[in-house]
Structure formats: C-alpha cells, structure tokens
Amino acid sequence: MRGLFKMECVLCPLLSALLVLLSSSPECNGQDTVKQAAGEDRVREGHTHTLICHFTTNSSYPTLFWYKQEGRGAPKYIMKIYKYTGNVIKSPEFDESKFGAELVGNSLSLKMEAVDVTDSAVY
C-alpha cells in the first residue's frame, strides 16, 4: 500500500540498559519500570502519530529520554524531559517542529508531525 510504512514501537535496548543502571542507584531500589506497547504501528505518510510510554519510579526527580534506532544502528538521542520541572531539551539533529513530548502523570508521549518513511524506526 503506497503511503503507509511500519514504525516499530518497542522499548529500545539502550533504555533497558539505562534502567538497569538506574536500578543499582540507592534512590531507585530496583523499582523503576517502563512499559510501551509491543509491536509496530502503521502510520499514513503526512499524518501525525503519538507514541506513549508509561513508567514508575521511586526517584523524586527522574529524567526521561526518547531515542530513535534505525535498523541495527546505534540509538540516536531525540530529547529528554525533566519530570520535576517539565523542561524539554531536544537534540539539534532532530527537527524542532517535527518532534514534541508531553508528560502527564507517569505517561510520556512522543508526538511526530508529518510522518514520512524516514521516521521508520524503533523508538
């Protein structure tokens, strides 16, 4: 089908490793979790799409990250968001107007505008 492409929607291995490292912190006590819907999303080219992660943490001041991993390449940092302040810091490599984040309670979303085939990746 022309105009459709696959977008994998799984937790990237780097984030899992980061959680393991954070779990060894005295503040975390091994209780941090991140959940994201498994599988892939099919998105029509030019449309807006939102990915959502749900997390739990014992940390008072967690910092949350979004990464993009294409194929077997290294994950690329898109942005981070500080839960306590709500501040978002985006990578200059990614289009400022294309990617946005929203933090509501313990859910973090990544919103992508005008999706195209170059957005096919693991997030």
Protein backbone atom coordinates (compact mmCIF):
# COMPACT_ATOMS: atom_id res chain seq x y z
CA MET A 1 0.00 0.00 0.00
CA ARG A 2 1.56 3.27 -1.07
CA GLY A 3 1.87 5.94 1.60
CA LEU A 4 1.97 3.51 4.53
CA PHE A 5 5.05 2.34 6.39
CA LYS A 6 5.84 0.43 9.53
CA MET A 7 7.02 2.07 12.73
CA GLU A 8 8.24 -0.32 15.38
CA CYS A 9 7.06 0.64 18.82
CA VAL A 10 9.21 -1.24 21.29
CA LEU A 11 11.44 -0.17 24.13
CA CYS A 12 14.96 0.25 22.79
CA PRO A 13 17.72 -1.88 24.33
CA LEU A 14 19.63 1.21 25.43
CA LEU A 15 16.74 2.36 27.62
CA SER A 16 16.58 -1.09 29.20
CA ALA A 17 20.30 -0.88 29.99
CA LEU A 18 19.78 2.60 31.44
CA LEU A 19 17.05 1.27 33.71
CA VAL A 20 19.37 -1.49 34.92
CA LEU A 21 22.00 1.13 35.75
CA LEU A 22 19.44 3.32 37.50
CA SER A 23 18.15 0.33 39.42
CA SER A 24 21.53 0.00 41.10
CA SER A 25 21.18 3.53 42.45
CA PRO A 26 20.26 3.71 46.15
CA GLU A 27 17.38 6.05 45.26
CA CYS A 28 15.79 3.60 42.77
CA ASN A 29 15.98 0.36 44.76
CA GLY A 30 15.28 -1.66 41.59
CA GLN A 31 11.68 -0.47 41.37
CA ASP A 32 11.77 1.55 38.12
CA THR A 33 9.75 0.23 35.17
CA VAL A 34 8.95 1.46 31.67
CA LYS A 35 6.17 -0.04 29.55
CA GLN A 36 5.42 0.64 25.92
CA ALA A 37 3.01 -1.17 23.62
CA ALA A 38 4.77 -4.01 21.80
CA GLY A 39 4.62 -4.49 18.08
CA GLU A 40 4.51 -1.95 15.32
CA ASP A 41 2.28 0.91 14.31
CA ARG A 42 1.28 1.60 10.71
CA VAL A 43 1.02 5.29 10.01
CA ARG A 44 -0.10 7.05 6.84
CA GLU A 45 2.54 9.35 5.40
CA GLY A 46 1.92 13.01 6.26
CA HIS A 47 -0.17 12.23 9.34
CA THR A 48 0.63 12.93 13.00
CA HIS A 49 1.47 9.98 15.26
CA THR A 50 1.96 9.69 19.02
CA LEU A 51 3.88 7.01 20.93
CA ILE A 52 3.33 6.61 24.67
CA CYS A 53 5.45 5.12 27.46
CA HIS A 54 4.16 4.50 30.98
CA PHE A 55 6.70 4.46 33.78
CA THR A 56 7.04 4.04 37.52
CA THR A 57 9.94 5.24 39.61
CA ASN A 58 10.85 5.92 43.20
CA SER A 59 13.04 8.82 42.08
CA SER A 60 11.86 12.26 43.13
CA TYR A 61 13.47 13.92 40.09
CA PRO A 62 13.52 11.48 37.16
CA THR A 63 14.81 12.47 33.73
CA LEU A 64 13.12 10.66 30.83
CA PHE A 65 14.56 10.16 27.35
CA TRP A 66 13.33 9.39 23.83
CA TYR A 67 15.68 7.72 21.33
CA LYS A 68 15.36 6.65 17.70
CA GLN A 69 17.08 3.49 16.47
CA GLU A 70 17.18 2.75 12.75
CA GLY A 71 17.95 -0.83 11.75
CA ARG A 72 20.91 -2.17 13.71
CA GLY A 73 22.44 1.27 14.15
CA ALA A 74 23.11 2.95 17.47
CA PRO A 75 20.15 4.69 19.13
CA LYS A 76 20.09 8.46 18.49
CA TYR A 77 19.06 10.83 21.25
CA ILE A 78 15.91 12.81 20.35
CA MET A 79 15.11 14.60 23.60
CA LYS A 80 14.94 14.42 27.36
CA ILE A 81 12.31 15.75 29.72
CA TYR A 82 12.71 16.55 33.40
CA LYS A 83 9.62 15.38 35.27
CA TYR A 84 10.05 17.81 38.17
CA THR A 85 10.28 20.96 36.01
CA GLY A 86 8.72 19.77 32.75
CA ASN A 87 11.69 21.20 30.83
CA VAL A 88 12.37 19.52 27.48
CA ILE A 89 15.81 19.53 25.86
CA LYS A 90 15.84 18.43 22.22
CA SER A 91 18.74 17.27 20.10
CA PRO A 92 19.60 19.77 17.36
CA GLU A 93 19.84 16.78 14.98
CA PHE A 94 16.04 16.39 15.02
CA ASP A 95 13.63 18.94 13.56
CA GLU A 96 12.29 21.09 16.40
CA SER A 97 8.83 21.39 14.84
CA LYS A 98 8.50 17.68 13.95
CA PHE A 99 9.00 16.12 17.41
CA GLY A 100 7.27 17.06 20.64
CA ALA A 101 6.86 15.49 24.07
CA GLU A 102 4.19 15.66 26.73
CA LEU A 103 4.43 14.38 30.28
CA VAL A 104 1.17 13.69 32.10
CA GLY A 105 1.48 11.90 35.42
CA ASN A 106 3.51 8.78 34.73
CA SER A 107 2.93 8.76 30.96
CA LEU A 108 5.37 10.26 28.48
CA SER A 109 4.35 10.75 24.85
CA LEU A 110 6.40 11.41 21.74
CA LYS A 111 4.41 13.24 19.06
CA MET A 112 5.66 13.22 15.47
CA GLU A 113 4.21 15.63 12.91
CA ALA A 114 4.10 14.99 9.15
CA VAL A 115 5.36 11.42 9.46
CA ASP A 116 7.30 10.06 6.48
CA VAL A 117 9.22 6.91 5.59
CA THR A 118 12.42 8.27 7.19
CA ASP A 119 10.63 8.04 10.55
CA SER A 120 10.50 4.22 10.33
CA ALA A 121 12.49 3.08 13.37
CA VAL A 122 12.39 1.71 16.90
CA TYR A 123 11.58 4.44 19.43
